[in-house]
PDB file of all heavy atoms in Angstrom:
ATOM      1  N   PRO A   1      72.870  95.259 208.229  1.00  0.00           N
ATOM      2  CA  PRO A   1      74.062  94.739 208.924  1.00  0.00           C
ATOM      3  C   PRO A   1      73.905  94.615 210.435  1.00  0.00           C
ATOM      4  O   PRO A   1      74.359  93.626 211.023  1.00  0.00           O
ATOM      5  CB  PRO A   1      75.152  95.752 208.550  1.00  0.00           C
ATOM      6  CG  PRO A   1      74.718  96.306 207.232  1.00  0.00           C
ATOM      7  CD  PRO A   1      73.221  96.354 207.294  1.00  0.00           C
ATOM      8  N   GLY A   2      73.275  95.596 211.072  1.00  0.00           N
ATOM      9  CA  GLY A   2      73.121  95.543 212.520  1.00  0.00           C
ATOM     10  C   GLY A   2      72.229  94.389 212.951  1.00  0.00           C
ATOM     11  O   GLY A   2      72.572  93.635 213.879  1.00  0.00           O
ATOM     12  N   THR A   3      71.095  94.242 212.275  1.00  0.00           N
ATOM     13  CA  THR A   3      70.181  93.146 212.589  1.00  0.00           C
ATOM     14  C   THR A   3      70.836  91.807 212.279  1.00  0.00           C
ATOM     15  O   THR A   3      70.667  90.824 213.003  1.00  0.00           O
ATOM     16  CB  THR A   3      68.880  93.295 211.789  1.00  0.00           C
ATOM     17  OG1 THR A   3      68.297  94.572 212.068  1.00  0.00           O
ATOM     18  CG2 THR A   3      67.893  92.203 212.135  1.00  0.00           C
ATOM     19  N   ARG A   4      71.595  91.776 211.203  1.00  0.00           N
ATOM     20  CA  ARG A   4      72.275  90.530 210.808  1.00  0.00           C
ATOM     21  C   ARG A   4      73.256  90.087 211.893  1.00  0.00           C
ATOM     22  O   ARG A   4      73.329  88.903 212.227  1.00  0.00           O
ATOM     23  CB  ARG A   4      73.003  90.767 209.494  1.00  0.00           C
ATOM     24  CG  ARG A   4      73.463  89.515 208.793  1.00  0.00           C
ATOM     25  CD  ARG A   4      73.897  89.843 207.380  1.00  0.00           C
ATOM     26  NE  ARG A   4      74.250  88.669 206.631  1.00  0.00           N
ATOM     27  CZ  ARG A   4      74.430  88.644 205.327  1.00  0.00           C
ATOM     28  NH1 ARG A   4      74.273  89.747 204.624  1.00  0.00           N
ATOM     29  NH2 ARG A   4      74.747  87.520 204.712  1.00  0.00           N
ATOM     30  N   ALA A   5      73.993  91.036 212.472  1.00  0.00           N
ATOM     31  CA  ALA A   5      74.929  90.697 213.542  1.00  0.00           C
ATOM     32  C   ALA A   5      74.181  90.146 214.755  1.00  0.00           C
ATOM     33  O   ALA A   5      74.636  89.192 215.400  1.00  0.00           O
ATOM     34  CB  ALA A   5      75.741  91.934 213.930  1.00  0.00           C
ATOM     35  N   ASP A   6      73.026  90.737 215.074  1.00  0.00           N
ATOM     36  CA  ASP A   6      72.221  90.229 216.184  1.00  0.00           C
ATOM     37  C   ASP A   6      71.746  88.804 215.914  1.00  0.00           C
ATOM     38  O   ASP A   6      71.719  87.960 216.809  1.00  0.00           O
ATOM     39  CB  ASP A   6      71.006  91.138 216.424  1.00  0.00           C
ATOM     40  CG  ASP A   6      71.391  92.499 216.971  1.00  0.00           C
ATOM     41  OD1 ASP A   6      72.512  92.636 217.507  1.00  0.00           O
ATOM     42  OD2 ASP A   6      70.572  93.429 216.865  1.00  0.00           O
ATOM     43  N   MET A   7      71.361  88.538 214.658  1.00  0.00           N
ATOM     44  CA  MET A   7      70.884  87.205 214.298  1.00  0.00           C
ATOM     45  C   MET A   7      72.006  86.172 214.353  1.00  0.00           C
ATOM     46  O   MET A   7      71.792  85.019 214.712  1.00  0.00           O
ATOM     47  CB  MET A   7      70.251  87.230 212.911  1.00  0.00           C
ATOM     48  CG  MET A   7      68.989  88.069 212.821  1.00  0.00           C
ATOM     49  SD  MET A   7      67.664  87.461 213.880  1.00  0.00           S
ATOM     50  CE  MET A   7      67.283  85.911 213.092  1.00  0.00           C
ATOM     51  N   HIS A   8      73.219  86.595 213.984  1.00  0.00           N
ATOM     52  CA  HIS A   8      74.367  85.696 214.105  1.00  0.00           C
ATOM     53  C   HIS A   8      74.544  85.270 215.561  1.00  0.00           C
ATOM     54  O   HIS A   8      74.743  84.077 215.854  1.00  0.00           O
ATOM     55  CB  HIS A   8      75.635  86.393 213.619  1.00  0.00           C
ATOM     56  CG  HIS A   8      75.706  86.554 212.139  1.00  0.00           C
ATOM     57  ND1 HIS A   8      76.732  87.230 211.518  1.00  0.00           N
ATOM     58  CD2 HIS A   8      74.875  86.149 211.149  1.00  0.00           C
ATOM     59  CE1 HIS A   8      76.528  87.221 210.211  1.00  0.00           C
ATOM     60  NE2 HIS A   8      75.414  86.569 209.971  1.00  0.00           N
ATOM     61  N   GLU A   9      74.475  86.237 216.461  1.00  0.00           N
ATOM     62  CA  GLU A   9      74.641  85.938 217.886  1.00  0.00           C
ATOM     63  C   GLU A   9      73.530  85.011 218.376  1.00  0.00           C
ATOM     64  O   GLU A   9      73.778  84.055 219.123  1.00  0.00           O
ATOM     65  CB  GLU A   9      74.633  87.243 218.681  1.00  0.00           C
ATOM     66  CG  GLU A   9      74.864  87.063 220.174  1.00  0.00           C
ATOM     67  CD  GLU A   9      74.890  88.394 220.911  1.00  0.00           C
ATOM     68  OE1 GLU A   9      75.024  89.443 220.261  1.00  0.00           O
ATOM     69  OE2 GLU A   9      74.768  88.361 222.155  1.00  0.00           O
ATOM     70  N   LEU A  10      72.305  85.271 217.920  1.00  0.00           N
ATOM     71  CA  LEU A  10      71.172  84.445 218.334  1.00  0.00           C
ATOM     72  C   LEU A  10      71.325  83.005 217.857  1.00  0.00           C
ATOM     73  O   LEU A  10      71.168  82.056 218.641  1.00  0.00           O
ATOM     74  CB  LEU A  10      69.871  85.041 217.786  1.00  0.00           C
ATOM     75  CG  LEU A  10      68.630  84.161 217.933  1.00  0.00           C
ATOM     76  CD1 LEU A  10      68.229  84.034 219.398  1.00  0.00           C
ATOM     77  CD2 LEU A  10      67.472  84.712 217.099  1.00  0.00           C
ATOM     78  N   ILE A  11      71.625  82.814 216.572  1.00  0.00           N
ATOM     79  CA  ILE A  11      71.656  81.458 216.038  1.00  0.00           C
ATOM     80  C   ILE A  11      72.799  80.651 216.648  1.00  0.00           C
ATOM     81  O   ILE A  11      72.666  79.443 216.905  1.00  0.00           O
ATOM     82  CB  ILE A  11      71.727  81.461 214.488  1.00  0.00           C
ATOM     83  CG1 ILE A  11      71.246  80.117 213.928  1.00  0.00           C
ATOM     84  CG2 ILE A  11      73.123  81.785 213.992  1.00  0.00           C
ATOM     85  CD1 ILE A  11      69.797  79.831 214.176  1.00  0.00           C
ATOM     86  N   LEU A  12      73.937  81.303 216.951  1.00  0.00           N
ATOM     87  CA  LEU A  12      75.035  80.595 217.605  1.00  0.00           C
ATOM     88  C   LEU A  12      74.645  80.195 219.025  1.00  0.00           C
ATOM     89  O   LEU A  12      74.970  79.091 219.479  1.00  0.00           O
ATOM     90  CB  LEU A  12      76.289  81.472 217.629  1.00  0.00           C
ATOM     91  CG  LEU A  12      77.029  81.621 216.299  1.00  0.00           C
ATOM     92  CD1 LEU A  12      78.196  82.595 216.448  1.00  0.00           C
ATOM     93  CD2 LEU A  12      77.525  80.276 215.786  1.00  0.00           C
ATOM     94  N   ARG A  13      73.944  81.077 219.734  1.00  0.00           N
ATOM     95  CA  ARG A  13      73.517  80.733 221.092  1.00  0.00           C
ATOM     96  C   ARG A  13      72.554  79.550 221.086  1.00  0.00           C
ATOM     97  O   ARG A  13      72.712  78.604 221.866  1.00  0.00           O
ATOM     98  CB  ARG A  13      72.856  81.949 221.759  1.00  0.00           C
ATOM     99  CG  ARG A  13      72.309  81.641 223.160  1.00  0.00           C
ATOM    100  CD  ARG A  13      71.824  82.879 223.860  1.00  0.00           C
ATOM    101  NE  ARG A  13      70.720  83.517 223.163  1.00  0.00           N
ATOM    102  CZ  ARG A  13      69.452  83.110 223.248  1.00  0.00           C
ATOM    103  NH1 ARG A  13      69.131  82.052 223.968  1.00  0.00           N
ATOM    104  NH2 ARG A  13      68.504  83.762 222.606  1.00  0.00           N
ATOM    105  N   LEU A  14      71.571  79.586 220.198  1.00  0.00           N
ATOM    106  CA  LEU A  14      70.604  78.494 220.140  1.00  0.00           C
ATOM    107  C   LEU A  14      71.261  77.189 219.694  1.00  0.00           C
ATOM    108  O   LEU A  14      70.921  76.104 220.186  1.00  0.00           O
ATOM    109  CB  LEU A  14      69.459  78.863 219.192  1.00  0.00           C
ATOM    110  CG  LEU A  14      68.580  80.035 219.639  1.00  0.00           C
ATOM    111  CD1 LEU A  14      67.572  80.373 218.564  1.00  0.00           C
ATOM    112  CD2 LEU A  14      67.890  79.740 220.959  1.00  0.00           C
ATOM    113  N   TRP A  15      72.220  77.284 218.775  1.00  0.00           N
ATOM    114  CA  TRP A  15      72.945  76.084 218.331  1.00  0.00           C
ATOM    115  C   TRP A  15      73.711  75.460 219.494  1.00  0.00           C
ATOM    116  O   TRP A  15      73.691  74.238 219.685  1.00  0.00           O
ATOM    117  CB  TRP A  15      73.894  76.459 217.196  1.00  0.00           C
ATOM    118  CG  TRP A  15      74.916  75.424 216.861  1.00  0.00           C
ATOM    119  CD1 TRP A  15      74.712  74.202 216.305  1.00  0.00           C
ATOM    120  CD2 TRP A  15      76.333  75.525 217.078  1.00  0.00           C
ATOM    121  NE1 TRP A  15      75.905  73.538 216.146  1.00  0.00           N
ATOM    122  CE2 TRP A  15      76.911  74.325 216.607  1.00  0.00           C
ATOM    123  CE3 TRP A  15      77.152  76.513 217.606  1.00  0.00           C
ATOM    124  CZ2 TRP A  15      78.287  74.096 216.675  1.00  0.00           C
ATOM    125  CZ3 TRP A  15      78.522  76.289 217.664  1.00  0.00           C
ATOM    126  CH2 TRP A  15      79.069  75.079 217.201  1.00  0.00           C
ATOM    127  N   ARG A  16      74.369  76.299 220.305  1.00  0.00           N
ATOM    128  CA  ARG A  16      75.101  75.767 221.454  1.00  0.00           C
ATOM    129  C   ARG A  16      74.151  75.127 222.461  1.00  0.00           C
ATOM    130  O   ARG A  16      74.441  74.070 223.027  1.00  0.00           O
ATOM    131  CB  ARG A  16      75.905  76.887 222.132  1.00  0.00           C
ATOM    132  CG  ARG A  16      77.152  77.321 221.381  1.00  0.00           C
ATOM    133  CD  ARG A  16      78.037  78.195 222.248  1.00  0.00           C
ATOM    134  NE  ARG A  16      77.391  79.453 222.576  1.00  0.00           N
ATOM    135  CZ  ARG A  16      77.636  80.623 221.978  1.00  0.00           C
ATOM    136  NH1 ARG A  16      78.533  80.669 221.002  1.00  0.00           N
ATOM    137  NH2 ARG A  16      77.019  81.715 222.340  1.00  0.00           N
ATOM    138  N   GLU A  17      73.016  75.765 222.696  1.00  0.00           N
ATOM    139  CA  GLU A  17      72.096  75.283 223.727  1.00  0.00           C
ATOM    140  C   GLU A  17      71.392  73.987 223.326  1.00  0.00           C
ATOM    141  O   GLU A  17      71.095  73.158 224.184  1.00  0.00           O
ATOM    142  CB  GLU A  17      71.056  76.367 224.043  1.00  0.00           C
ATOM    143  CG  GLU A  17      71.645  77.565 224.764  1.00  0.00           C
ATOM    144  CD  GLU A  17      70.626  78.668 224.991  1.00  0.00           C
ATOM    145  OE1 GLU A  17      69.497  78.569 224.460  1.00  0.00           O
ATOM    146  OE2 GLU A  17      70.949  79.630 225.704  1.00  0.00           O
ATOM    147  N   THR A  18      71.123  73.820 222.042  1.00  0.00           N
ATOM    148  CA  THR A  18      70.367  72.644 221.599  1.00  0.00           C
ATOM    149  C   THR A  18      71.251  71.503 221.115  1.00  0.00           C
ATOM    150  O   THR A  18      70.782  70.366 221.017  1.00  0.00           O
ATOM    151  CB  THR A  18      69.414  73.024 220.456  1.00  0.00           C
ATOM    152  OG1 THR A  18      70.179  73.561 219.360  1.00  0.00           O
ATOM    153  CG2 THR A  18      68.397  74.064 220.906  1.00  0.00           C
ATOM    154  N   SER A  19      72.513  71.777 220.785  1.00  0.00           N
ATOM    155  CA  SER A  19      73.456  70.779 220.276  1.00  0.00           C
ATOM    156  C   SER A  19      72.987  70.120 218.980  1.00  0.00           C
ATOM    157  O   SER A  19      73.377  68.992 218.671  1.00  0.00           O
ATOM    158  CB  SER A  19      73.717  69.685 221.335  1.00  0.00           C
ATOM    159  OG  SER A  19      74.269  70.249 222.502  1.00  0.00           O
ATOM    160  N   MET A  20      72.128  70.812 218.219  1.00  0.00           N
ATOM    161  CA  MET A  20      71.663  70.248 216.954  1.00  0.00           C
ATOM    162  C   MET A  20      72.729  70.441 215.869  1.00  0.00           C
ATOM    163  O   MET A  20      73.676  71.205 216.029  1.00  0.00           O
ATOM    164  CB  MET A  20      70.359  70.915 216.527  1.00  0.00           C
ATOM    165  CG  MET A  20      70.480  72.381 216.273  1.00  0.00           C
ATOM    166  SD  MET A  20      68.876  73.158 216.022  1.00  0.00           S
ATOM    167  CE  MET A  20      69.307  74.873 216.347  1.00  0.00           C
ATOM    168  N   THR A  21      72.549  69.738 214.774  1.00  0.00           N
ATOM    169  CA  THR A  21      73.418  69.888 213.615  1.00  0.00           C
ATOM    170  C   THR A  21      72.807  70.934 212.690  1.00  0.00           C
ATOM    171  O   THR A  21      71.609  70.899 212.423  1.00  0.00           O
ATOM    172  CB  THR A  21      73.556  68.545 212.877  1.00  0.00           C
ATOM    173  OG1 THR A  21      73.980  67.550 213.809  1.00  0.00           O
ATOM    174  CG2 THR A  21      74.565  68.650 211.747  1.00  0.00           C
ATOM    175  N   VAL A  22      73.628  71.856 212.213  1.00  0.00           N
ATOM    176  CA  VAL A  22      73.144  72.964 211.387  1.00  0.00           C
ATOM    177  C   VAL A  22      73.843  72.942 210.033  1.00  0.00           C
ATOM    178  O   VAL A  22      75.065  72.775 209.954  1.00  0.00           O
ATOM    179  CB  VAL A  22      73.390  74.330 212.070  1.00  0.00           C
ATOM    180  CG1 VAL A  22      72.943  75.474 211.164  1.00  0.00           C
ATOM    181  CG2 VAL A  22      72.667  74.398 213.410  1.00  0.00           C
ATOM    182  N   PHE A  23      73.053  73.095 208.962  1.00  0.00           N
ATOM    183  CA  PHE A  23      73.576  73.336 207.618  1.00  0.00           C
ATOM    184  C   PHE A  23      73.062  74.704 207.180  1.00  0.00           C
ATOM    185  O   PHE A  23      71.851  74.928 207.141  1.00  0.00           O
ATOM    186  CB  PHE A  23      73.078  72.279 206.624  1.00  0.00           C
ATOM    187  CG  PHE A  23      73.777  70.960 206.716  1.00  0.00           C
ATOM    188  CD1 PHE A  23      73.407  70.039 207.682  1.00  0.00           C
ATOM    189  CD2 PHE A  23      74.794  70.628 205.835  1.00  0.00           C
ATOM    190  CE1 PHE A  23      74.040  68.817 207.773  1.00  0.00           C
ATOM    191  CE2 PHE A  23      75.431  69.406 205.911  1.00  0.00           C
ATOM    192  CZ  PHE A  23      75.053  68.489 206.891  1.00  0.00           C
ATOM    193  N   MET A  24      73.968  75.612 206.844  1.00  0.00           N
ATOM    194  CA  MET A  24      73.582  76.956 206.434  1.00  0.00           C
ATOM    195  C   MET A  24      74.166  77.296 205.075  1.00  0.00           C
ATOM    196  O   MET A  24      75.385  77.273 204.886  1.00  0.00           O
ATOM    197  CB  MET A  24      74.057  77.997 207.453  1.00  0.00           C
ATOM    198  CG  MET A  24      73.657  79.429 207.085  1.00  0.00           C
ATOM    199  SD  MET A  24      74.393  80.680 208.166  1.00  0.00           S
ATOM    200  CE  MET A  24      76.115  80.608 207.621  1.00  0.00           C
ATOM    201  N   VAL A  25      73.302  77.601 204.109  1.00  0.00           N
ATOM    202  CA  VAL A  25      73.739  78.091 202.805  1.00  0.00           C
ATOM    203  C   VAL A  25      73.870  79.606 202.881  1.00  0.00           C
ATOM    204  O   VAL A  25      72.977  80.299 203.389  1.00  0.00           O
ATOM    205  CB  VAL A  25      72.731  77.709 201.705  1.00  0.00           C
ATOM    206  CG1 VAL A  25      73.004  78.482 200.423  1.00  0.00           C
ATOM    207  CG2 VAL A  25      72.790  76.213 201.437  1.00  0.00           C
ATOM    208  N   THR A  26      74.978  80.139 202.389  1.00  0.00           N
ATOM    209  CA  THR A  26      75.164  81.580 202.360  1.00  0.00           C
ATOM    210  C   THR A  26      76.005  81.969 201.147  1.00  0.00           C
ATOM    211  O   THR A  26      76.895  81.222 200.724  1.00  0.00           O
ATOM    212  CB  THR A  26      75.838  82.086 203.651  1.00  0.00           C
ATOM    213  OG1 THR A  26      76.056  83.501 203.551  1.00  0.00           O
ATOM    214  CG2 THR A  26      77.183  81.397 203.899  1.00  0.00           C
ATOM    215  N   HIS A  27      75.688  83.142 200.574  1.00  0.00           N
ATOM    216  CA  HIS A  27      76.535  83.700 199.522  1.00  0.00           C
ATOM    217  C   HIS A  27      77.679  84.525 200.120  1.00  0.00           C
ATOM    218  O   HIS A  27      78.581  84.945 199.396  1.00  0.00           O
ATOM    219  CB  HIS A  27      75.715  84.581 198.580  1.00  0.00           C
ATOM    220  CG  HIS A  27      74.919  83.799 197.583  1.00  0.00           C
ATOM    221  ND1 HIS A  27      73.614  83.412 197.805  1.00  0.00           N
ATOM    222  CD2 HIS A  27      75.252  83.293 196.368  1.00  0.00           C
ATOM    223  CE1 HIS A  27      73.178  82.726 196.755  1.00  0.00           C
ATOM    224  NE2 HIS A  27      74.150  82.632 195.881  1.00  0.00           N
ATOM    225  N   ASP A  28      77.604  84.783 201.411  1.00  0.00           N
ATOM    226  CA  ASP A  28      78.575  85.631 202.088  1.00  0.00           C
ATOM    227  C   ASP A  28      79.668  84.741 202.693  1.00  0.00           C
ATOM    228  O   ASP A  28      79.463  84.099 203.730  1.00  0.00           O
ATOM    229  CB  ASP A  28      77.875  86.446 203.172  1.00  0.00           C
ATOM    230  CG  ASP A  28      78.787  87.478 203.838  1.00  0.00           C
ATOM    231  OD1 ASP A  28      80.016  87.292 203.808  1.00  0.00           O
ATOM    232  OD2 ASP A  28      78.250  88.464 204.383  1.00  0.00           O
ATOM    233  N   ILE A  29      80.818  84.691 202.029  1.00  0.00           N
ATOM    234  CA  ILE A  29      81.903  83.819 202.500  1.00  0.00           C
ATOM    235  C   ILE A  29      82.347  84.209 203.904  1.00  0.00           C
ATOM    236  O   ILE A  29      82.610  83.345 204.750  1.00  0.00           O
ATOM    237  CB  ILE A  29      83.095  83.867 201.519  1.00  0.00           C
ATOM    238  CG1 ILE A  29      82.679  83.257 200.174  1.00  0.00           C
ATOM    239  CG2 ILE A  29      84.294  83.107 202.087  1.00  0.00           C
ATOM    240  CD1 ILE A  29      83.756  83.297 199.117  1.00  0.00           C
ATOM    241  N   LYS A  30      82.396  85.517 204.185  1.00  0.00           N
ATOM    242  CA  LYS A  30      82.794  85.976 205.519  1.00  0.00           C
ATOM    243  C   LYS A  30      81.832  85.444 206.572  1.00  0.00           C
ATOM    244  O   LYS A  30      82.246  85.009 207.650  1.00  0.00           O
ATOM    245  CB  LYS A  30      82.827  87.506 205.548  1.00  0.00           C
ATOM    246  CG  LYS A  30      83.299  88.088 206.863  1.00  0.00           C
ATOM    247  CD  LYS A  30      83.351  89.605 206.798  1.00  0.00           C
ATOM    248  CE  LYS A  30      83.794  90.187 208.132  1.00  0.00           C
ATOM    249  NZ  LYS A  30      83.822  91.678 208.085  1.00  0.00           N
ATOM    250  N   GLU A  31      80.534  85.461 206.265  1.00  0.00           N
ATOM    251  CA  GLU A  31      79.541  84.934 207.193  1.00  0.00           C
ATOM    252  C   GLU A  31      79.744  83.443 207.406  1.00  0.00           C
ATOM    253  O   GLU A  31      79.645  82.943 208.530  1.00  0.00           O
ATOM    254  CB  GLU A  31      78.140  85.204 206.649  1.00  0.00           C
ATOM    255  CG  GLU A  31      77.008  84.682 207.520  1.00  0.00           C
ATOM    256  CD  GLU A  31      75.645  85.045 206.946  1.00  0.00           C
ATOM    257  OE1 GLU A  31      75.228  84.431 205.941  1.00  0.00           O
ATOM    258  OE2 GLU A  31      74.995  85.940 207.519  1.00  0.00           O
ATOM    259  N   GLY A  32      80.034  82.722 206.328  1.00  0.00           N
ATOM    260  CA  GLY A  32      80.251  81.290 206.442  1.00  0.00           C
ATOM    261  C   GLY A  32      81.404  80.956 207.373  1.00  0.00           C
ATOM    262  O   GLY A  32      81.292  80.066 208.224  1.00  0.00           O
ATOM    263  N   PHE A  33      82.495  81.687 207.241  1.00  0.00           N
ATOM    264  CA  PHE A  33      83.649  81.427 208.097  1.00  0.00           C
ATOM    265  C   PHE A  33      83.424  81.923 209.522  1.00  0.00           C
ATOM    266  O   PHE A  33      84.001  81.384 210.470  1.00  0.00           O
ATOM    267  CB  PHE A  33      84.902  82.065 207.497  1.00  0.00           C
ATOM    268  CG  PHE A  33      85.564  81.215 206.453  1.00  0.00           C
ATOM    269  CD1 PHE A  33      85.165  81.291 205.128  1.00  0.00           C
ATOM    270  CD2 PHE A  33      86.571  80.317 206.786  1.00  0.00           C
ATOM    271  CE1 PHE A  33      85.760  80.504 204.148  1.00  0.00           C
ATOM    272  CE2 PHE A  33      87.171  79.519 205.822  1.00  0.00           C
ATOM    273  CZ  PHE A  33      86.769  79.612 204.497  1.00  0.00           C
ATOM    274  N   ALA A  34      82.598  82.948 209.689  1.00  0.00           N
ATOM    275  CA  ALA A  34      82.330  83.471 211.025  1.00  0.00           C
ATOM    276  C   ALA A  34      81.448  82.529 211.838  1.00  0.00           C
ATOM    277  O   ALA A  34      81.661  82.364 213.044  1.00  0.00           O
ATOM    278  CB  ALA A  34      81.665  84.847 210.927  1.00  0.00           C
ATOM    279  N   LEU A  35      80.477  81.893 211.179  1.00  0.00           N
ATOM    280  CA  LEU A  35      79.519  81.065 211.900  1.00  0.00           C
ATOM    281  C   LEU A  35      79.870  79.580 211.886  1.00  0.00           C
ATOM    282  O   LEU A  35      79.650  78.883 212.877  1.00  0.00           O
ATOM    283  CB  LEU A  35      78.115  81.249 211.311  1.00  0.00           C
ATOM    284  CG  LEU A  35      77.497  82.640 211.417  1.00  0.00           C
ATOM    285  CD1 LEU A  35      76.105  82.654 210.801  1.00  0.00           C
ATOM    286  CD2 LEU A  35      77.445  83.109 212.859  1.00  0.00           C
ATOM    287  N   GLY A  36      80.376  79.079 210.787  1.00  0.00           N
ATOM    288  CA  GLY A  36      80.565  77.646 210.650  1.00  0.00           C
ATOM    289  C   GLY A  36      81.728  77.095 211.450  1.00  0.00           C
ATOM    290  O   GLY A  36      82.752  77.758 211.622  1.00  0.00           O
ATOM    291  N   THR A  37      81.571  75.868 211.957  1.00  0.00           N
ATOM    292  CA  THR A  37      82.714  75.115 212.471  1.00  0.00           C
ATOM    293  C   THR A  37      83.345  74.296 211.351  1.00  0.00           C
ATOM    294  O   THR A  37      84.378  73.666 211.531  1.00  0.00           O
ATOM    295  CB  THR A  37      82.289  74.164 213.604  1.00  0.00           C
ATOM    296  OG1 THR A  37      81.289  73.263 213.128  1.00  0.00           O
ATOM    297  CG2 THR A  37      81.737  74.951 214.778  1.00  0.00           C
ATOM    298  N   ARG A  38      82.669  74.332 210.182  1.00  0.00           N
ATOM    299  CA  ARG A  38      83.152  73.628 209.002  1.00  0.00           C
ATOM    300  C   ARG A  38      82.553  74.322 207.788  1.00  0.00           C
ATOM    301  O   ARG A  38      81.369  74.672 207.791  1.00  0.00           O
ATOM    302  CB  ARG A  38      82.689  72.178 209.061  1.00  0.00           C
ATOM    303  CG  ARG A  38      83.132  71.269 207.928  1.00  0.00           C
ATOM    304  CD  ARG A  38      82.671  69.857 208.240  1.00  0.00           C
ATOM    305  NE  ARG A  38      83.025  68.890 207.221  1.00  0.00           N
ATOM    306  CZ  ARG A  38      82.714  67.587 207.302  1.00  0.00           C
ATOM    307  NH1 ARG A  38      82.040  67.129 208.356  1.00  0.00           N
ATOM    308  NH2 ARG A  38      83.065  66.750 206.340  1.00  0.00           N
ATOM    309  N   VAL A  39      83.355  74.554 206.765  1.00  0.00           N
ATOM    310  CA  VAL A  39      82.891  75.240 205.556  1.00  0.00           C
ATOM    311  C   VAL A  39      83.054  74.311 204.362  1.00  0.00           C
ATOM    312  O   VAL A  39      84.140  73.784 204.113  1.00  0.00           O
ATOM    313  CB  VAL A  39      83.663  76.556 205.315  1.00  0.00           C
ATOM    314  CG1 VAL A  39      83.273  77.166 203.967  1.00  0.00           C
ATOM    315  CG2 VAL A  39      83.397  77.551 206.443  1.00  0.00           C
ATOM    316  N   LEU A  40      81.945  74.108 203.642  1.00  0.00           N
ATOM    317  CA  LEU A  40      81.962  73.338 202.397  1.00  0.00           C
ATOM    318  C   LEU A  40      81.860  74.295 201.228  1.00  0.00           C
ATOM    319  O   LEU A  40      80.984  75.170 201.212  1.00  0.00           O
ATOM    320  CB  LEU A  40      80.797  72.358 202.340  1.00  0.00           C
ATOM    321  CG  LEU A  40      80.641  71.371 203.494  1.00  0.00           C
ATOM    322  CD1 LEU A  40      79.420  70.485 203.266  1.00  0.00           C
ATOM    323  CD2 LEU A  40      81.894  70.523 203.675  1.00  0.00           C
ATOM    324  N   VAL A  41      82.745  74.145 200.251  1.00  0.00           N
ATOM    325  CA  VAL A  41      82.710  74.958 199.035  1.00  0.00           C
ATOM    326  C   VAL A  41      82.200  74.098 197.897  1.00  0.00           C
ATOM    327  O   VAL A  41      82.788  73.060 197.575  1.00  0.00           O
ATOM    328  CB  VAL A  41      84.108  75.525 198.697  1.00  0.00           C
ATOM    329  CG1 VAL A  41      84.023  76.392 197.433  1.00  0.00           C
ATOM    330  CG2 VAL A  41      84.659  76.332 199.865  1.00  0.00           C
ATOM    331  N   PHE A  42      81.081  74.517 197.296  1.00  0.00           N
ATOM    332  CA  PHE A  42      80.522  73.809 196.135  1.00  0.00           C
ATOM    333  C   PHE A  42      80.959  74.521 194.858  1.00  0.00           C
ATOM    334  O   PHE A  42      80.884  75.742 194.765  1.00  0.00           O
ATOM    335  CB  PHE A  42      78.990  73.792 196.203  1.00  0.00           C
ATOM    336  CG  PHE A  42      78.425  72.682 197.045  1.00  0.00           C
ATOM    337  CD1 PHE A  42      78.613  72.668 198.422  1.00  0.00           C
ATOM    338  CD2 PHE A  42      77.711  71.647 196.465  1.00  0.00           C
ATOM    339  CE1 PHE A  42      78.098  71.650 199.202  1.00  0.00           C
ATOM    340  CE2 PHE A  42      77.185  70.613 197.245  1.00  0.00           C
ATOM    341  CZ  PHE A  42      77.382  70.619 198.617  1.00  0.00           C
TER     342      PHE A  42
END
């Protein structure tokens, strides 16, 4: 959990700095809502 929180912070920072488009698959719904600006449910 601790490392995961650090990685969340890292990936959001890099996403902001590069302005790239990101698609992230996750089984963790909480993670999806925490990181995504848009959530797709399959």
